Amino acid sequence: MQLNQVAPVEEGFFLGPCRIGPKGVIATWPRHEDRWPLPLPQIEQALAALLHQMHKHVPVTVLVGAEQGAAARLACGPDINLLTTAFQGDVIGTDGPWHLTDGAGTLKPLHWTNAIHGVRHAPPQRDGYIAPVNLDGHLVMADGRGLIIASEEGLLDADRNPELTMQQVEERLALYLGARHVVWLGGGLHRLRGGLTGALLIGKGPDILVAHVPDDDVNRARLDDMAATLAHDRNADKDPLNVVWIECKTGAGPNGPLDCLVGDGAVFSAAPDQQVADYFGVPHVTLTVDPVLGETGGLSAWLRPLP
């Protein structure tokens, strides 16, 4: 195993758009019993059910620790690809790794450091990068063309990156994610400290989809502030960003309309809402997501598209 010591952009790698490509989606198999409020077998059963649903539509790869291999194979069956790894996370969307692309089909994993514990996770058994910044918790999203939308509340949190200024974080986002322009938002949803999941979604061109919630929703003011910031900013090509409101009558966040996976052929989500699918002009596939997974971050915390 060899880690590249140069920054990804020096070798032509960057964070591509979060779309489901030919390689499908990646997940992790849970391993740390003390992390969960419910017995681990219940979490495993809920995840396996979700993976089987996704496997009907796209290839699924699951990162599995050696000690969980037998349990994962029994639950997932013979058709889902298991990749044994030293990765220590339980939830792919919040814990990493992300996979950077060179735009020509080659992928390399990106891990990051933790302010308290140093390197957060041991990299998988292939070449990869370690970024000197903690990105845990759905704190950034990318359009694949140089725009990074970042949570100021999350990335500048004293528990994540206590020694980094905003400028230093931007420099790392440029070197390790390929950012050419960073839009800073104040924070995420109230129940997702700093997280942007279920609040925003990268759309077509300069479009950014934003959750529109009822007036009495606890997140209404935050989402309005996000939309106002975005509407007065531009993407990396200097095109004005365009806010597209998506009605979320039951609130934003996990299992809402914007907590989804978008592919060339469909939009996958736990919400039966068709708005995102109509926007992209593709069919909508409603997934049955166990409430256990919804409480731990939603669909996009457990599954991530491979670029």
C-alpha atoms as a PDB file:
ATOM      1  CA  MET A   1       0.000   0.000   0.000  1.00  0.00           C
ATOM      2  CA  GLN A   2       1.369   3.392  -0.980  1.00  0.00           C
ATOM      3  CA  LEU A   3      -0.006   6.827  -0.226  1.00  0.00           C
ATOM      4  CA  ASN A   4       0.625   9.641  -2.663  1.00  0.00           C
ATOM      5  CA  GLN A   5       2.456  12.468  -0.914  1.00  0.00           C
ATOM      6  CA  VAL A   6       1.569  15.099  -3.521  1.00  0.00           C
ATOM      7  CA  ALA A   7      -1.774  16.867  -3.651  1.00  0.00           C
ATOM      8  CA  PRO A   8      -4.416  15.263  -5.902  1.00  0.00           C
ATOM      9  CA  VAL A   9      -4.714  18.284  -8.220  1.00  0.00           C
ATOM     10  CA  GLU A  10      -1.019  17.951  -9.057  1.00  0.00           C
ATOM     11  CA  GLU A  11      -1.837  14.545 -10.517  1.00  0.00           C
ATOM     12  CA  GLY A  12      -5.072  15.641 -12.167  1.00  0.00           C
ATOM     13  CA  PHE A  13      -7.546  14.288  -9.600  1.00  0.00           C
ATOM     14  CA  PHE A  14     -10.540  16.221  -8.218  1.00  0.00           C
ATOM     15  CA  LEU A  15     -13.902  15.714  -6.518  1.00  0.00           C
ATOM     16  CA  GLY A  16     -16.372  15.032  -9.283  1.00  0.00           C
ATOM     17  CA  PRO A  17     -20.119  15.608  -9.154  1.00  0.00           C
ATOM     18  CA  CYS A  18     -22.202  13.331  -6.906  1.00  0.00           C
ATOM     19  CA  ARG A  19     -23.884  11.365  -9.660  1.00  0.00           C
ATOM     20  CA  ILE A  20     -24.322   7.620 -10.048  1.00  0.00           C
ATOM     21  CA  GLY A  21     -22.064   6.521 -12.869  1.00  0.00           C
ATOM     22  CA  PRO A  22     -21.309   3.115 -14.390  1.00  0.00           C
ATOM     23  CA  LYS A  23     -19.469   2.082 -11.220  1.00  0.00           C
ATOM     24  CA  GLY A  24     -22.619   2.473  -9.129  1.00  0.00           C
ATOM     25  CA  VAL A  25     -22.637   3.224  -5.399  1.00  0.00           C
ATOM     26  CA  ILE A  26     -20.411   2.464  -2.428  1.00  0.00           C
ATOM     27  CA  ALA A  27     -21.387   1.795   1.193  1.00  0.00           C
ATOM     28  CA  THR A  28     -19.694   0.667   4.413  1.00  0.00           C
ATOM     29  CA  TRP A  29     -20.655  -2.187   6.672  1.00  0.00           C
ATOM     30  CA  PRO A  30     -21.158  -1.049  10.311  1.00  0.00           C
ATOM     31  CA  ARG A  31     -18.709  -2.372  12.879  1.00  0.00           C
ATOM     32  CA  HIS A  32     -18.621  -0.280  16.074  1.00  0.00           C
ATOM     33  CA  GLU A  33     -21.355  -1.471  18.422  1.00  0.00           C
ATOM     34  CA  ASP A  34     -20.894   1.424  20.851  1.00  0.00           C
ATOM     35  CA  ARG A  35     -21.771   3.951  18.115  1.00  0.00           C
ATOM     36  CA  TRP A  36     -25.373   2.891  17.690  1.00  0.00           C
ATOM     37  CA  PRO A  37     -28.422   3.331  19.969  1.00  0.00           C
ATOM     38  CA  LEU A  38     -29.780  -0.016  18.738  1.00  0.00           C
ATOM     39  CA  PRO A  39     -28.230  -3.503  18.544  1.00  0.00           C
ATOM     40  CA  LEU A  40     -25.786  -3.830  15.654  1.00  0.00           C
ATOM     41  CA  PRO A  41     -27.708  -6.713  14.008  1.00  0.00           C
ATOM     42  CA  GLN A  42     -30.696  -4.395  13.618  1.00  0.00           C
ATOM     43  CA  ILE A  43     -28.524  -1.816  11.850  1.00  0.00           C
ATOM     44  CA  GLU A  44     -27.036  -4.527   9.630  1.00  0.00           C
ATOM     45  CA  GLN A  45     -30.468  -5.854   8.681  1.00  0.00           C
ATOM     46  CA  ALA A  46     -31.701  -2.375   7.746  1.00  0.00           C
ATOM     47  CA  LEU A  47     -28.621  -1.656   5.637  1.00  0.00           C
ATOM     48  CA  ALA A  48     -28.737  -5.013   3.859  1.00  0.00           C
ATOM     49  CA  ALA A  49     -32.355  -4.366   2.874  1.00  0.00           C
ATOM     50  CA  LEU A  50     -31.364  -1.004   1.365  1.00  0.00           C
ATOM     51  CA  LEU A  51     -28.392  -2.514  -0.488  1.00  0.00           C
ATOM     52  CA  HIS A  52     -30.571  -5.219  -2.040  1.00  0.00           C
ATOM     53  CA  GLN A  53     -32.957  -2.546  -3.324  1.00  0.00           C
ATOM     54  CA  MET A  54     -30.150  -0.512  -4.879  1.00  0.00           C
ATOM     55  CA  HIS A  55     -28.549  -3.604  -6.399  1.00  0.00           C
ATOM     56  CA  LYS A  56     -31.642  -4.063  -8.564  1.00  0.00           C
ATOM     57  CA  HIS A  57     -30.756  -0.811 -10.328  1.00  0.00           C
ATOM     58  CA  VAL A  58     -26.993  -0.151 -10.069  1.00  0.00           C
ATOM     59  CA  PRO A  59     -23.821  -2.030  -9.022  1.00  0.00           C
ATOM     60  CA  VAL A  60     -23.208  -1.898  -5.264  1.00  0.00           C
ATOM     61  CA  THR A  61     -19.806  -2.136  -3.540  1.00  0.00           C
ATOM     62  CA  VAL A  62     -19.558  -2.483   0.242  1.00  0.00           C
ATOM     63  CA  LEU A  63     -16.404  -1.678   2.238  1.00  0.00           C
ATOM     64  CA  VAL A  64     -16.090  -4.388   4.895  1.00  0.00           C
ATOM     65  CA  GLY A  65     -13.601  -4.920   7.696  1.00  0.00           C
ATOM     66  CA  ALA A  66     -12.057  -8.404   7.802  1.00  0.00           C
ATOM     67  CA  GLU A  67     -13.824  -9.224  11.056  1.00  0.00           C
ATOM     68  CA  GLN A  68     -17.254  -8.354   9.570  1.00  0.00           C
ATOM     69  CA  GLY A  69     -16.782 -10.236   6.304  1.00  0.00           C
ATOM     70  CA  ALA A  70     -18.820 -13.330   7.161  1.00  0.00           C
ATOM     71  CA  ALA A  71     -21.763 -11.383   8.591  1.00  0.00           C
ATOM     72  CA  ALA A  72     -21.789  -8.997   5.632  1.00  0.00           C
ATOM     73  CA  ARG A  73     -21.690 -11.815   3.078  1.00  0.00           C
ATOM     74  CA  LEU A  74     -24.517 -13.657   4.814  1.00  0.00           C
ATOM     75  CA  ALA A  75     -26.689 -10.526   4.851  1.00  0.00           C
ATOM     76  CA  CYS A  76     -25.785  -9.217   1.385  1.00  0.00           C
ATOM     77  CA  GLY A  77     -25.760 -12.515  -0.518  1.00  0.00           C
ATOM     78  CA  PRO A  78     -23.447 -13.549  -3.350  1.00  0.00           C
ATOM     79  CA  ASP A  79     -24.239 -10.829  -5.881  1.00  0.00           C
ATOM     80  CA  ILE A  80     -23.201  -7.695  -3.985  1.00  0.00           C
ATOM     81  CA  ASN A  81     -19.491  -6.883  -4.224  1.00  0.00           C
ATOM     82  CA  LEU A  82     -17.644  -6.808  -0.874  1.00  0.00           C
ATOM     83  CA  LEU A  83     -14.289  -5.044  -0.643  1.00  0.00           C
ATOM     84  CA  THR A  84     -12.217  -5.892   2.434  1.00  0.00           C
ATOM     85  CA  THR A  85     -10.575  -2.743   3.745  1.00  0.00           C
ATOM     86  CA  ALA A  86      -8.877  -1.191   6.757  1.00  0.00           C
ATOM     87  CA  PHE A  87     -11.319   1.746   6.561  1.00  0.00           C
ATOM     88  CA  GLN A  88     -12.681   2.358  10.053  1.00  0.00           C
ATOM     89  CA  GLY A  89     -15.854   4.341   9.413  1.00  0.00           C
ATOM     90  CA  ASP A  90     -19.439   3.160   9.837  1.00  0.00           C
ATOM     91  CA  VAL A  91     -21.295   5.553   7.521  1.00  0.00           C
ATOM     92  CA  ILE A  92     -19.801   6.308   4.119  1.00  0.00           C
ATOM     93  CA  GLY A  93     -21.411   9.706   3.645  1.00  0.00           C
ATOM     94  CA  THR A  94     -20.150  11.250   6.865  1.00  0.00           C
ATOM     95  CA  ASP A  95     -16.964   9.284   7.477  1.00  0.00           C
ATOM     96  CA  GLY A  96     -15.435   9.005   3.997  1.00  0.00           C
ATOM     97  CA  PRO A  97     -13.540   7.997   2.029  1.00  0.00           C
ATOM     98  CA  TRP A  98     -14.471  10.026  -1.004  1.00  0.00           C
ATOM     99  CA  HIS A  99     -13.292   8.918  -4.399  1.00  0.00           C
ATOM    100  CA  LEU A 100     -11.569  11.460  -6.590  1.00  0.00           C
ATOM    101  CA  THR A 101     -11.626  11.141 -10.359  1.00  0.00           C
ATOM    102  CA  ASP A 102      -9.249  12.160 -13.121  1.00  0.00           C
ATOM    103  CA  GLY A 103     -12.197  12.547 -15.496  1.00  0.00           C
ATOM    104  CA  ALA A 104     -11.048   9.531 -17.512  1.00  0.00           C
ATOM    105  CA  GLY A 105     -12.266   6.658 -15.363  1.00  0.00           C
ATOM    106  CA  THR A 106      -9.506   6.326 -12.756  1.00  0.00           C
ATOM    107  CA  LEU A 107     -10.547   6.723  -9.110  1.00  0.00           C
ATOM    108  CA  LYS A 108      -8.452   7.261  -5.982  1.00  0.00           C
ATOM    109  CA  PRO A 109      -9.771   7.491  -2.403  1.00  0.00           C
ATOM    110  CA  LEU A 110      -9.358  10.657  -0.347  1.00  0.00           C
ATOM    111  CA  HIS A 111      -9.158  10.441   3.427  1.00  0.00           C
ATOM    112  CA  TRP A 112      -8.681  13.302   5.832  1.00  0.00           C
ATOM    113  CA  THR A 113      -7.147  14.061   9.174  1.00  0.00           C
ATOM    114  CA  ASN A 114      -8.993  14.474  12.434  1.00  0.00           C
ATOM    115  CA  ALA A 115      -8.109  17.428  14.656  1.00  0.00           C
ATOM    116  CA  ILE A 116      -7.905  15.268  17.758  1.00  0.00           C
ATOM    117  CA  HIS A 117      -6.889  11.826  16.554  1.00  0.00           C
ATOM    118  CA  GLY A 118      -4.681  12.550  13.551  1.00  0.00           C
ATOM    119  CA  VAL A 119      -5.436  10.378  10.517  1.00  0.00           C
ATOM    120  CA  ARG A 120      -9.108   9.539  10.787  1.00  0.00           C
ATOM    121  CA  HIS A 121      -9.113   6.244   8.917  1.00  0.00           C
ATOM    122  CA  ALA A 122      -6.589   3.832   7.478  1.00  0.00           C
ATOM    123  CA  PRO A 123      -6.842   4.006   3.680  1.00  0.00           C
ATOM    124  CA  PRO A 124      -8.157   1.063   1.639  1.00  0.00           C
ATOM    125  CA  GLN A 125      -5.674  -1.266   0.017  1.00  0.00           C
ATOM    126  CA  ARG A 126      -4.920   0.914  -2.983  1.00  0.00           C
ATOM    127  CA  ASP A 127      -3.275   4.245  -3.697  1.00  0.00           C
ATOM    128  CA  GLY A 128      -4.929   7.211  -2.056  1.00  0.00           C
ATOM    129  CA  TYR A 129      -4.539  10.650  -0.534  1.00  0.00           C
ATOM    130  CA  ILE A 130      -4.838  12.082   2.958  1.00  0.00           C
ATOM    131  CA  ALA A 131      -6.025  15.680   3.138  1.00  0.00           C
ATOM    132  CA  PRO A 132      -4.792  17.836   6.076  1.00  0.00           C
ATOM    133  CA  VAL A 133      -8.310  18.964   6.963  1.00  0.00           C
ATOM    134  CA  ASN A 134     -11.252  17.280   8.723  1.00  0.00           C
ATOM    135  CA  LEU A 135     -14.278  16.984   6.427  1.00  0.00           C
ATOM    136  CA  ASP A 136     -16.507  14.740   8.569  1.00  0.00           C
ATOM    137  CA  GLY A 137     -20.227  15.339   8.451  1.00  0.00           C
ATOM    138  CA  HIS A 138     -21.587  16.308   4.985  1.00  0.00           C
ATOM    139  CA  LEU A 139     -19.781  19.652   5.092  1.00  0.00           C
ATOM    140  CA  VAL A 140     -19.056  20.182   1.395  1.00  0.00           C
ATOM    141  CA  MET A 141     -20.607  19.444  -1.973  1.00  0.00           C
ATOM    142  CA  ALA A 142     -19.156  19.849  -5.460  1.00  0.00           C
ATOM    143  CA  ASP A 143     -20.463  20.420  -8.962  1.00  0.00           C
ATOM    144  CA  GLY A 144     -17.485  18.599 -10.506  1.00  0.00           C
ATOM    145  CA  ARG A 145     -16.383  21.738 -12.360  1.00  0.00           C
ATOM    146  CA  GLY A 146     -14.508  23.521  -9.579  1.00  0.00           C
ATOM    147  CA  LEU A 147     -17.349  24.836  -7.394  1.00  0.00           C
ATOM    148  CA  ILE A 148     -17.324  23.741  -3.745  1.00  0.00           C
ATOM    149  CA  ILE A 149     -20.183  24.709  -1.433  1.00  0.00           C
ATOM    150  CA  ALA A 150     -18.924  24.575   2.164  1.00  0.00           C
ATOM    151  CA  SER A 151     -20.409  24.882   5.636  1.00  0.00           C
ATOM    152  CA  GLU A 152     -18.610  27.572   7.630  1.00  0.00           C
ATOM    153  CA  GLU A 153     -20.182  26.306  10.858  1.00  0.00           C
ATOM    154  CA  GLY A 154     -18.889  22.812  10.184  1.00  0.00           C
ATOM    155  CA  LEU A 155     -15.443  23.296   8.660  1.00  0.00           C
ATOM    156  CA  LEU A 156     -14.404  26.049  11.072  1.00  0.00           C
ATOM    157  CA  ASP A 157     -15.759  24.202  14.099  1.00  0.00           C
ATOM    158  CA  ALA A 158     -13.260  24.045  16.977  1.00  0.00           C
ATOM    159  CA  ASP A 159     -13.749  20.280  17.254  1.00  0.00           C
ATOM    160  CA  ARG A 160     -12.890  19.701  13.589  1.00  0.00           C
ATOM    161  CA  ASN A 161     -10.267  22.179  12.397  1.00  0.00           C
ATOM    162  CA  PRO A 162      -9.298  24.335  15.395  1.00  0.00           C
ATOM    163  CA  GLU A 163      -6.012  25.562  13.936  1.00  0.00           C
ATOM    164  CA  LEU A 164      -7.192  26.430  10.428  1.00  0.00           C
ATOM    165  CA  THR A 165      -8.457  29.777   9.175  1.00  0.00           C
ATOM    166  CA  MET A 166     -11.021  30.099   6.411  1.00  0.00           C
ATOM    167  CA  GLN A 167      -8.250  30.921   3.930  1.00  0.00           C
ATOM    168  CA  GLN A 168      -6.254  27.851   4.966  1.00  0.00           C
ATOM    169  CA  VAL A 169      -9.307  25.633   4.572  1.00  0.00           C
ATOM    170  CA  GLU A 170      -9.890  27.092   1.100  1.00  0.00           C
ATOM    171  CA  GLU A 171      -6.291  26.319   0.155  1.00  0.00           C
ATOM    172  CA  ARG A 172      -6.780  22.697   1.183  1.00  0.00           C
ATOM    173  CA  LEU A 173     -10.081  22.456  -0.680  1.00  0.00           C
ATOM    174  CA  ALA A 174      -8.272  23.708  -3.774  1.00  0.00           C
ATOM    175  CA  LEU A 175      -5.361  21.275  -3.461  1.00  0.00           C
ATOM    176  CA  TYR A 176      -7.304  18.187  -2.417  1.00  0.00           C
ATOM    177  CA  LEU A 177     -10.778  18.603  -3.966  1.00  0.00           C
ATOM    178  CA  GLY A 178      -9.935  20.716  -6.996  1.00  0.00           C
ATOM    179  CA  ALA A 179     -11.891  23.777  -5.811  1.00  0.00           C
ATOM    180  CA  ARG A 180     -11.568  26.851  -8.021  1.00  0.00           C
ATOM    181  CA  HIS A 181     -14.266  28.768  -6.167  1.00  0.00           C
ATOM    182  CA  VAL A 182     -15.710  28.187  -2.676  1.00  0.00           C
ATOM    183  CA  VAL A 183     -19.126  29.440  -1.588  1.00  0.00           C
ATOM    184  CA  TRP A 184     -19.330  29.609   2.195  1.00  0.00           C
ATOM    185  CA  LEU A 185     -22.689  29.025   3.880  1.00  0.00           C
ATOM    186  CA  GLY A 186     -23.213  29.805   7.538  1.00  0.00           C
ATOM    187  CA  GLY A 187     -24.331  26.364   8.609  1.00  0.00           C
ATOM    188  CA  GLY A 188     -26.461  23.329   7.910  1.00  0.00           C
ATOM    189  CA  LEU A 189     -29.740  22.151   9.361  1.00  0.00           C
ATOM    190  CA  HIS A 190     -30.387  22.428  13.069  1.00  0.00           C
ATOM    191  CA  ARG A 191     -30.491  18.665  13.556  1.00  0.00           C
ATOM    192  CA  LEU A 192     -27.404  18.130  11.390  1.00  0.00           C
ATOM    193  CA  ARG A 193     -24.710  20.324  12.911  1.00  0.00           C
ATOM    194  CA  GLY A 194     -22.930  21.852   9.963  1.00  0.00           C
ATOM    195  CA  GLY A 195     -24.272  19.218   7.571  1.00  0.00           C
ATOM    196  CA  LEU A 196     -25.738  20.128   4.202  1.00  0.00           C
ATOM    197  CA  THR A 197     -27.472  16.809   3.490  1.00  0.00           C
ATOM    198  CA  GLY A 198     -31.091  17.209   2.556  1.00  0.00           C
ATOM    199  CA  ALA A 199     -30.780  20.996   2.434  1.00  0.00           C
ATOM    200  CA  LEU A 200     -29.109  21.453  -0.961  1.00  0.00           C
ATOM    201  CA  LEU A 201     -28.469  19.514  -4.141  1.00  0.00           C
ATOM    202  CA  ILE A 202     -26.271  20.391  -7.105  1.00  0.00           C
ATOM    203  CA  GLY A 203     -28.456  20.819 -10.178  1.00  0.00           C
ATOM    204  CA  LYS A 204     -27.779  21.333 -13.870  1.00  0.00           C
ATOM    205  CA  GLY A 205     -25.386  24.072 -14.951  1.00  0.00           C
ATOM    206  CA  PRO A 206     -25.428  26.889 -12.389  1.00  0.00           C
ATOM    207  CA  ASP A 207     -28.583  25.582 -10.653  1.00  0.00           C
ATOM    208  CA  ILE A 208     -28.577  24.781  -6.943  1.00  0.00           C
ATOM    209  CA  LEU A 209     -31.655  23.024  -5.578  1.00  0.00           C
ATOM    210  CA  VAL A 210     -32.636  24.319  -2.124  1.00  0.00           C
ATOM    211  CA  ALA A 211     -35.222  22.900   0.281  1.00  0.00           C
ATOM    212  CA  HIS A 212     -38.245  25.174   0.781  1.00  0.00           C
ATOM    213  CA  VAL A 213     -39.908  24.386   4.099  1.00  0.00           C
ATOM    214  CA  PRO A 214     -43.036  25.788   5.832  1.00  0.00           C
ATOM    215  CA  ASP A 215     -42.818  29.133   7.625  1.00  0.00           C
ATOM    216  CA  ASP A 216     -42.914  27.521  11.070  1.00  0.00           C
ATOM    217  CA  ASP A 217     -40.115  25.034  10.324  1.00  0.00           C
ATOM    218  CA  VAL A 218     -37.095  25.330  12.637  1.00  0.00           C
ATOM    219  CA  ASN A 219     -34.790  25.432   9.603  1.00  0.00           C
ATOM    220  CA  ARG A 220     -36.695  28.047   7.564  1.00  0.00           C
ATOM    221  CA  ALA A 221     -34.417  30.982   8.443  1.00  0.00           C
ATOM    222  CA  ARG A 222     -31.254  28.966   7.806  1.00  0.00           C
ATOM    223  CA  LEU A 223     -32.446  27.744   4.424  1.00  0.00           C
ATOM    224  CA  ASP A 224     -33.512  31.246   3.410  1.00  0.00           C
ATOM    225  CA  ASP A 225     -30.039  32.507   4.350  1.00  0.00           C
ATOM    226  CA  MET A 226     -28.407  29.741   2.300  1.00  0.00           C
ATOM    227  CA  ALA A 227     -30.531  30.590  -0.721  1.00  0.00           C
ATOM    228  CA  ALA A 228     -29.768  34.304  -0.426  1.00  0.00           C
ATOM    229  CA  THR A 229     -26.017  33.637  -0.238  1.00  0.00           C
ATOM    230  CA  LEU A 230     -26.108  31.326  -3.241  1.00  0.00           C
ATOM    231  CA  ALA A 231     -28.250  33.700  -5.311  1.00  0.00           C
ATOM    232  CA  HIS A 232     -25.586  36.417  -4.943  1.00  0.00           C
ATOM    233  CA  ASP A 233     -22.628  34.215  -5.841  1.00  0.00           C
ATOM    234  CA  ARG A 234     -21.212  32.475  -8.911  1.00  0.00           C
ATOM    235  CA  ASN A 235     -19.761  29.140  -9.921  1.00  0.00           C
ATOM    236  CA  ALA A 236     -16.120  28.531 -10.843  1.00  0.00           C
ATOM    237  CA  ASP A 237     -16.804  29.666 -14.421  1.00  0.00           C
ATOM    238  CA  LYS A 238     -18.252  32.959 -13.103  1.00  0.00           C
ATOM    239  CA  ASP A 239     -21.822  32.096 -14.088  1.00  0.00           C
ATOM    240  CA  PRO A 240     -24.384  33.463 -11.594  1.00  0.00           C
ATOM    241  CA  LEU A 241     -25.802  30.692  -9.417  1.00  0.00           C
ATOM    242  CA  ASN A 242     -29.511  30.069  -9.817  1.00  0.00           C
ATOM    243  CA  VAL A 243     -31.593  28.893  -6.832  1.00  0.00           C
ATOM    244  CA  VAL A 244     -34.294  26.340  -7.636  1.00  0.00           C
ATOM    245  CA  TRP A 245     -36.703  25.821  -4.736  1.00  0.00           C
ATOM    246  CA  ILE A 246     -37.876  22.283  -3.960  1.00  0.00           C
ATOM    247  CA  GLU A 247     -40.962  22.142  -1.743  1.00  0.00           C
ATOM    248  CA  CYS A 248     -40.339  20.092   1.413  1.00  0.00           C
ATOM    249  CA  LYS A 249     -43.657  20.221   3.262  1.00  0.00           C
ATOM    250  CA  THR A 250     -42.513  17.747   5.903  1.00  0.00           C
ATOM    251  CA  GLY A 251     -39.138  19.437   6.408  1.00  0.00           C
ATOM    252  CA  ALA A 252     -35.622  19.146   5.023  1.00  0.00           C
ATOM    253  CA  GLY A 253     -32.956  16.654   5.969  1.00  0.00           C
ATOM    254  CA  PRO A 254     -32.669  12.848   5.981  1.00  0.00           C
ATOM    255  CA  ASN A 255     -35.330  11.083   3.894  1.00  0.00           C
ATOM    256  CA  GLY A 256     -36.558  14.386   2.460  1.00  0.00           C
ATOM    257  CA  PRO A 257     -36.789  15.088  -1.285  1.00  0.00           C
ATOM    258  CA  LEU A 258     -33.188  16.365  -1.472  1.00  0.00           C
ATOM    259  CA  ASP A 259     -31.740  13.400   0.413  1.00  0.00           C
ATOM    260  CA  CYS A 260     -31.346  11.454  -2.802  1.00  0.00           C
ATOM    261  CA  LEU A 261     -28.985   9.857  -5.298  1.00  0.00           C
ATOM    262  CA  VAL A 262     -29.085  11.217  -8.829  1.00  0.00           C
ATOM    263  CA  GLY A 263     -28.032   9.161 -11.821  1.00  0.00           C
ATOM    264  CA  ASP A 264     -28.193   9.400 -15.574  1.00  0.00           C
ATOM    265  CA  GLY A 265     -31.256   7.183 -15.560  1.00  0.00           C
ATOM    266  CA  ALA A 266     -33.163   7.866 -12.332  1.00  0.00           C
ATOM    267  CA  VAL A 267     -33.437   9.676  -9.016  1.00  0.00           C
ATOM    268  CA  PHE A 268     -33.396   7.401  -5.961  1.00  0.00           C
ATOM    269  CA  SER A 269     -34.845   8.552  -2.647  1.00  0.00           C
ATOM    270  CA  ALA A 270     -36.938   7.485   0.320  1.00  0.00           C
ATOM    271  CA  ALA A 271     -39.372  10.327  -0.311  1.00  0.00           C
ATOM    272  CA  PRO A 272     -42.123   9.585  -2.857  1.00  0.00           C
ATOM    273  CA  ASP A 273     -41.835  13.188  -4.045  1.00  0.00           C
ATOM    274  CA  GLN A 274     -41.261  13.507  -7.819  1.00  0.00           C
ATOM    275  CA  GLN A 275     -39.905  17.082  -7.919  1.00  0.00           C
ATOM    276  CA  VAL A 276     -36.206  16.256  -8.204  1.00  0.00           C
ATOM    277  CA  ALA A 277     -36.837  13.568 -10.824  1.00  0.00           C
ATOM    278  CA  ASP A 278     -39.010  15.976 -12.811  1.00  0.00           C
ATOM    279  CA  TYR A 279     -36.268  18.611 -12.617  1.00  0.00           C
ATOM    280  CA  PHE A 280     -33.671  16.222 -14.057  1.00  0.00           C
ATOM    281  CA  GLY A 281     -36.169  14.720 -16.501  1.00  0.00           C
ATOM    282  CA  VAL A 282     -35.686  11.115 -15.319  1.00  0.00           C
ATOM    283  CA  PRO A 283     -37.846   8.509 -13.554  1.00  0.00           C
ATOM    284  CA  HIS A 284     -38.110   8.480  -9.778  1.00  0.00           C
ATOM    285  CA  VAL A 285     -37.371   5.315  -7.802  1.00  0.00           C
ATOM    286  CA  THR A 286     -38.777   5.259  -4.272  1.00  0.00           C
ATOM    287  CA  LEU A 287     -36.678   3.230  -1.851  1.00  0.00           C
ATOM    288  CA  THR A 288     -37.866   1.805   1.428  1.00  0.00           C
ATOM    289  CA  VAL A 289     -35.378   3.115   3.973  1.00  0.00           C
ATOM    290  CA  ASP A 290     -35.668   1.726   7.481  1.00  0.00           C
ATOM    291  CA  PRO A 291     -36.235   4.478  10.095  1.00  0.00           C
ATOM    292  CA  VAL A 292     -33.048   3.235  11.760  1.00  0.00           C
ATOM    293  CA  LEU A 293     -31.045   4.510   8.772  1.00  0.00           C
ATOM    294  CA  GLY A 294     -33.076   7.706   8.564  1.00  0.00           C
ATOM    295  CA  GLU A 295     -32.166   8.542  12.144  1.00  0.00           C
ATOM    296  CA  THR A 296     -28.473   8.069  11.378  1.00  0.00           C
ATOM    297  CA  GLY A 297     -28.185  10.460   8.469  1.00  0.00           C
ATOM    298  CA  GLY A 298     -30.519   9.269   5.736  1.00  0.00           C
ATOM    299  CA  LEU A 299     -29.912   7.721   2.345  1.00  0.00           C
ATOM    300  CA  SER A 300     -26.919   9.861   1.357  1.00  0.00           C
ATOM    301  CA  ALA A 301     -25.143   9.094   4.646  1.00  0.00           C
ATOM    302  CA  TRP A 302     -25.193   5.380   3.893  1.00  0.00           C
ATOM    303  CA  LEU A 303     -24.665   5.381   0.137  1.00  0.00           C
ATOM    304  CA  ARG A 304     -22.409   7.483  -2.047  1.00  0.00           C
ATOM    305  CA  PRO A 305     -22.195   7.497  -5.850  1.00  0.00           C
ATOM    306  CA  LEU A 306     -18.876   6.641  -7.433  1.00  0.00           C
ATOM    307  CA  PRO A 307     -17.876   9.275 -10.005  1.00  0.00           C
END
